[in-house]
Amino acid sequence: MMKARPGTVDLCRILMNTGGEVISGGTLAGLLSCSRQSVWKSIRSLVEEGFLIESIPQKGYILRELPRYDLAPSYIGALMNNTIFSKTEIYLYETLSSTQVTAKQHGRQSGTENVVVISEEQTQGRGRRDRSWISPHGSGLFLSFFFKPRLLPGRLQLVNLAAGLAVRDAVEKTCSVRLALKWPNDLLWENRKVCGILSEASSESDRIRDCCTGIGINITSPSLENNREAAAVLSQAAFLNDMTGGVHRGVLAATLLDRFADILAVMESDGG
């Protein structure tokens, strides 16, 4: 499991914006309002995620190369604009039963406002009405985000619509592919499913305590020779890599989260 913390993401963003120049540990500590020791620990975390960062004695640090792995969580965080998800913890797992379950556990146990959970694979992924969402390893973008919307319970159904619009706009921006939104939770390409969305909430009569929205986007068609049932289901689906020259899942995730946050902010400003 990898975990991106807000401080590490801020450091990543600063290094990415230096234009390949050396920046001292003291300068970084001042910009981040932390100790040089904390800067060093965050540098080590970024190196573990795949960033190539050189430490130059008596001078500072320089970012030499971004991670080759496209779901490095701090890189995703650093790509985001200043929205509700840009200051959150991002968890990346190799495999999970369900990103929804894990995101709700992290969010409710930690008491944080927002949490993002991504997994390379889901063994018990769920769609609407408890239908199975097949999520083979490395074949898609499988993520859930836990948040606390300032919305009245009667407007909860709009969360799914906001997520659908965010996926549609993010895919168009990053992949130049225009998907069709099928209410309430699917996005299609030529009548074949590319994405499914599931939103779940805990609410009271006058307020929503928290919400968790899960999104599964088909990216690469997997090889499922030993699972005929799953192969039959996915043969009816569409995959973004078949329509484009390649999808950087981290860029797509960051763009999607930014767009969702923007739409949610408009909904909240409209009286909840």
Protein backbone atom coordinates (compact mmCIF):
# COMPACT_ATOMS: atom_id res chain seq x y z
CA MET A 1 0.00 0.00 0.00
CA MET A 2 1.17 3.53 -0.82
CA LYS A 3 -0.21 6.58 0.91
CA ALA A 4 0.08 10.21 -0.18
CA ARG A 5 -0.25 12.75 2.61
CA PRO A 6 -1.04 16.42 1.99
CA GLY A 7 2.45 17.54 3.06
CA THR A 8 4.14 15.07 0.70
CA VAL A 9 1.85 16.13 -2.12
CA ASP A 10 2.71 19.80 -1.50
CA LEU A 11 6.42 18.95 -1.63
CA CYS A 12 5.89 17.02 -4.86
CA ARG A 13 4.08 19.99 -6.40
CA ILE A 14 6.90 22.37 -5.45
CA LEU A 15 9.57 20.08 -6.93
CA MET A 16 7.55 19.69 -10.13
CA ASN A 17 7.29 23.47 -10.46
CA THR A 18 11.01 24.25 -10.00
CA GLY A 19 11.73 23.66 -13.68
CA GLY A 20 14.57 21.25 -12.98
CA GLU A 21 16.39 23.64 -10.66
CA VAL A 22 17.95 22.75 -7.30
CA ILE A 23 15.98 23.88 -4.26
CA SER A 24 17.46 23.82 -0.76
CA GLY A 25 16.09 21.89 2.17
CA GLY A 26 15.79 25.13 4.11
CA THR A 27 13.72 26.75 1.40
CA LEU A 28 11.47 23.70 1.22
CA ALA A 29 11.06 23.66 5.00
CA GLY A 30 10.07 27.32 4.92
CA LEU A 31 7.56 26.86 2.11
CA LEU A 32 6.02 23.83 3.83
CA SER A 33 6.21 25.24 7.38
CA CYS A 34 7.97 22.13 8.65
CA SER A 35 11.42 20.95 9.75
CA ARG A 36 14.22 19.87 7.43
CA GLN A 37 13.85 16.39 8.93
CA SER A 38 10.21 16.33 7.81
CA VAL A 39 11.30 17.42 4.33
CA TRP A 40 13.80 14.57 4.21
CA LYS A 41 11.15 12.03 5.27
CA SER A 42 8.79 13.29 2.58
CA ILE A 43 11.57 13.08 -0.01
CA ARG A 44 12.09 9.44 0.96
CA SER A 45 8.35 8.79 0.57
CA LEU A 46 8.41 10.25 -2.94
CA VAL A 47 11.43 8.14 -3.87
CA GLU A 48 9.55 5.04 -2.70
CA GLU A 49 6.72 6.00 -5.07
CA GLY A 50 9.13 6.07 -7.99
CA PHE A 51 10.23 9.72 -8.19
CA LEU A 52 13.91 10.13 -9.06
CA ILE A 53 15.12 12.89 -6.74
CA GLU A 54 18.80 13.74 -6.42
CA SER A 55 20.20 15.10 -3.16
CA ILE A 56 23.11 17.46 -3.82
CA PRO A 57 25.31 18.08 -0.75
CA GLN A 58 25.29 21.66 0.52
CA LYS A 59 22.78 22.66 -2.16
CA GLY A 60 19.49 20.79 -1.89
CA TYR A 61 17.24 18.59 -3.98
CA ILE A 62 16.40 18.33 -7.65
CA LEU A 63 13.63 16.32 -9.31
CA ARG A 64 15.18 14.32 -12.13
CA GLU A 65 12.32 12.09 -13.25
CA LEU A 66 8.64 11.48 -12.59
CA PRO A 67 7.42 7.98 -11.69
CA ARG A 68 6.92 5.54 -14.52
CA TYR A 69 4.04 3.99 -12.62
CA ASP A 70 0.95 5.93 -13.61
CA LEU A 71 -0.91 5.62 -10.29
CA ALA A 72 1.77 7.05 -7.97
CA PRO A 73 -0.54 8.71 -5.40
CA SER A 74 1.55 11.83 -4.67
CA TYR A 75 1.76 12.55 -8.38
CA ILE A 76 -2.02 12.32 -8.65
CA GLY A 77 -2.37 14.71 -5.72
CA ALA A 78 0.15 17.16 -7.15
CA LEU A 79 -1.71 17.30 -10.46
CA MET A 80 -4.93 18.40 -8.78
CA ASN A 81 -6.04 22.01 -8.47
CA ASN A 82 -6.93 23.62 -5.16
CA THR A 83 -10.14 21.69 -4.53
CA ILE A 84 -11.49 19.63 -1.64
CA PHE A 85 -9.55 16.56 -2.82
CA SER A 86 -6.19 18.31 -3.30
CA LYS A 87 -5.60 18.37 0.46
CA THR A 88 -6.66 14.83 1.20
CA GLU A 89 -5.00 11.49 1.85
CA ILE A 90 -4.76 9.23 -1.19
CA TYR A 91 -4.39 5.49 -0.63
CA LEU A 92 -3.21 3.12 -3.35
CA TYR A 93 -3.60 -0.65 -2.96
CA GLU A 94 -2.51 -3.57 -5.10
CA THR A 95 -5.75 -5.42 -4.39
CA LEU A 96 -8.90 -4.84 -2.33
CA SER A 97 -12.23 -6.52 -1.95
CA SER A 98 -13.86 -3.13 -2.63
CA THR A 99 -12.58 0.45 -2.75
CA GLN A 100 -15.97 1.56 -1.37
CA VAL A 101 -15.58 -0.46 1.82
CA THR A 102 -12.01 0.70 2.41
CA ALA A 103 -12.71 4.38 1.67
CA LYS A 104 -15.58 4.43 4.17
CA GLN A 105 -13.44 2.71 6.78
CA HIS A 106 -10.60 5.23 6.39
CA GLY A 107 -12.94 8.20 6.32
CA ARG A 108 -15.04 7.27 9.33
CA GLN A 109 -12.22 5.95 11.48
CA SER A 110 -9.86 8.85 10.87
CA GLY A 111 -12.48 11.57 11.06
CA THR A 112 -11.01 13.34 8.03
CA GLU A 113 -13.23 15.28 5.66
CA ASN A 114 -12.06 13.59 2.46
CA VAL A 115 -10.29 10.36 1.50
CA VAL A 116 -9.44 8.86 -1.90
CA VAL A 117 -8.83 5.12 -2.29
CA ILE A 118 -7.53 3.54 -5.51
CA SER A 119 -6.85 -0.13 -6.19
CA GLU A 120 -5.31 -2.02 -9.08
CA GLU A 121 -7.86 -4.77 -8.52
CA GLN A 122 -11.16 -5.41 -6.75
CA THR A 123 -12.14 -8.95 -5.86
CA GLN A 124 -15.67 -8.00 -4.80
CA GLY A 125 -16.35 -4.80 -6.69
CA ARG A 126 -19.98 -3.72 -6.59
CA GLY A 127 -22.28 -1.81 -8.83
CA ARG A 128 -25.84 -0.61 -8.42
CA ARG A 129 -28.29 -3.07 -6.80
CA ASP A 130 -25.32 -5.11 -5.54
CA ARG A 131 -24.40 -6.24 -9.03
CA SER A 132 -20.82 -7.42 -9.40
CA TRP A 133 -18.33 -5.05 -11.05
CA ILE A 134 -15.53 -7.11 -12.59
CA SER A 135 -12.21 -5.41 -11.82
CA PRO A 136 -9.22 -7.49 -13.02
CA HIS A 137 -5.75 -6.41 -12.00
CA GLY A 138 -4.37 -3.49 -13.99
CA SER A 139 -7.33 -3.29 -16.36
CA GLY A 140 -8.93 -0.06 -15.19
CA LEU A 141 -9.16 2.90 -12.89
CA PHE A 142 -10.96 1.71 -9.76
CA LEU A 143 -11.38 4.39 -7.12
CA SER A 144 -13.70 5.63 -4.38
CA PHE A 145 -13.77 9.01 -2.71
CA PHE A 146 -15.23 9.66 0.73
CA PHE A 147 -16.44 13.19 1.44
CA LYS A 148 -18.93 15.19 3.47
CA PRO A 149 -21.13 17.19 1.11
CA ARG A 150 -23.04 20.20 2.34
CA LEU A 151 -26.23 19.01 0.68
CA LEU A 152 -29.73 18.29 1.89
CA PRO A 153 -30.69 14.58 1.83
CA GLY A 154 -33.26 15.24 -0.90
CA ARG A 155 -30.49 16.21 -3.32
CA LEU A 156 -28.36 13.14 -2.74
CA GLN A 157 -29.30 11.66 -6.11
CA LEU A 158 -27.47 14.56 -7.76
CA VAL A 159 -24.14 13.23 -6.47
CA ASN A 160 -24.25 10.38 -8.98
CA LEU A 161 -25.08 12.82 -11.75
CA ALA A 162 -22.15 15.04 -10.70
CA ALA A 163 -19.83 12.03 -10.77
CA GLY A 164 -21.08 10.99 -14.21
CA LEU A 165 -20.54 14.47 -15.61
CA ALA A 166 -17.07 14.57 -14.05
CA VAL A 167 -16.09 11.27 -15.68
CA ARG A 168 -17.49 12.34 -19.04
CA ASP A 169 -15.63 15.67 -18.97
CA ALA A 170 -12.38 14.16 -17.65
CA VAL A 171 -12.31 11.44 -20.31
CA GLU A 172 -13.00 13.99 -23.02
CA LYS A 173 -10.25 16.29 -21.74
CA THR A 174 -7.56 13.63 -21.27
CA CYS A 175 -8.49 11.10 -23.96
CA SER A 176 -10.40 13.16 -26.55
CA VAL A 177 -13.24 10.65 -26.31
CA ARG A 178 -16.84 11.76 -25.73
CA LEU A 179 -18.80 9.22 -23.70
CA ALA A 180 -22.60 9.11 -23.42
CA LEU A 181 -24.06 9.43 -19.93
CA LYS A 182 -26.79 6.89 -19.22
CA TRP A 183 -28.75 7.82 -16.11
CA PRO A 184 -28.28 6.98 -13.34
CA ASN A 185 -24.84 5.41 -13.22
CA ASP A 186 -23.30 4.34 -16.54
CA LEU A 187 -21.13 5.91 -19.24
CA LEU A 188 -21.16 4.31 -22.67
CA TRP A 189 -19.24 4.25 -25.92
CA GLU A 190 -21.36 3.13 -28.85
CA ASN A 191 -23.81 1.51 -26.38
CA ARG A 192 -21.08 -0.45 -24.63
CA LYS A 193 -20.29 0.26 -20.99
CA VAL A 194 -17.03 2.03 -20.19
CA CYS A 195 -17.75 3.23 -16.67
CA GLY A 196 -20.01 2.47 -13.74
CA ILE A 197 -20.70 4.66 -10.70
CA LEU A 198 -22.03 3.87 -7.24
CA SER A 199 -22.79 6.49 -4.58
CA GLU A 200 -23.70 5.57 -1.01
CA ALA A 201 -24.46 7.89 1.88
CA SER A 202 -25.10 8.00 5.58
CA SER A 203 -27.72 10.63 6.35
CA GLU A 204 -30.17 12.00 8.87
CA SER A 205 -33.45 13.74 8.28
CA ASP A 206 -31.87 17.15 7.83
CA ARG A 207 -28.31 16.46 6.73
CA ILE A 208 -25.95 14.08 4.97
CA ARG A 209 -23.28 12.86 7.37
CA ASP A 210 -20.99 11.49 4.68
CA CYS A 211 -20.99 10.11 1.17
CA CYS A 212 -18.79 7.66 -0.71
CA THR A 213 -18.74 7.51 -4.50
CA GLY A 214 -17.09 4.64 -6.32
CA ILE A 215 -16.07 4.76 -9.96
CA GLY A 216 -14.83 1.97 -12.19
CA ILE A 217 -13.49 2.87 -15.64
CA ASN A 218 -12.44 0.23 -18.16
CA ILE A 219 -8.99 1.08 -19.50
CA THR A 220 -7.32 -2.04 -20.91
CA SER A 221 -9.05 -5.24 -21.99
CA PRO A 222 -7.72 -8.00 -19.68
CA SER A 223 -6.85 -11.58 -20.52
CA LEU A 224 -9.38 -13.82 -18.75
CA GLU A 225 -8.77 -17.21 -20.30
CA ASN A 226 -9.39 -18.97 -16.98
CA ASN A 227 -12.58 -17.11 -16.16
CA ARG A 228 -15.10 -17.60 -18.93
CA GLU A 229 -17.97 -15.94 -17.07
CA ALA A 230 -16.02 -12.72 -16.48
CA ALA A 231 -14.67 -12.82 -20.03
CA ALA A 232 -18.22 -13.09 -21.40
CA VAL A 233 -19.34 -10.05 -19.41
CA LEU A 234 -16.34 -7.92 -20.39
CA SER A 235 -16.68 -8.87 -24.05
CA GLN A 236 -19.73 -6.59 -24.06
CA ALA A 237 -17.79 -3.69 -22.52
CA ALA A 238 -15.64 -0.98 -24.10
CA PHE A 239 -12.11 0.02 -23.06
CA LEU A 240 -10.52 3.46 -23.37
CA ASN A 241 -7.17 2.16 -24.62
CA ASP A 242 -8.96 0.71 -27.66
CA MET A 243 -10.09 4.22 -28.57
CA THR A 244 -6.89 6.15 -27.82
CA GLY A 245 -3.16 5.76 -28.06
CA GLY A 246 -2.93 5.14 -24.31
CA VAL A 247 -4.39 6.42 -21.06
CA HIS A 248 -2.39 7.76 -18.12
CA ARG A 249 -4.62 6.68 -15.26
CA GLY A 250 -3.11 9.16 -12.80
CA VAL A 251 -3.82 12.14 -15.03
CA LEU A 252 -7.34 10.85 -15.61
CA ALA A 253 -7.93 10.38 -11.87
CA ALA A 254 -6.69 13.87 -11.00
CA THR A 255 -8.76 15.49 -13.75
CA LEU A 256 -11.84 13.53 -12.70
CA LEU A 257 -11.51 14.47 -9.00
CA ASP A 258 -10.95 18.13 -9.85
CA ARG A 259 -14.01 18.24 -12.08
CA PHE A 260 -16.19 16.45 -9.53
CA ALA A 261 -15.09 18.90 -6.82
CA ASP A 262 -15.96 21.85 -9.07
CA ILE A 263 -19.45 20.50 -9.81
CA LEU A 264 -20.04 19.67 -6.14
CA ALA A 265 -19.03 23.21 -5.14
CA VAL A 266 -21.67 24.63 -7.50
CA MET A 267 -24.30 22.28 -6.07
CA GLU A 268 -23.41 23.27 -2.50
CA SER A 269 -23.46 26.99 -3.30
CA ASP A 270 -26.98 26.62 -4.64
CA GLY A 271 -28.44 26.28 -1.16
CA GLY A 272 -27.60 22.59 -0.71
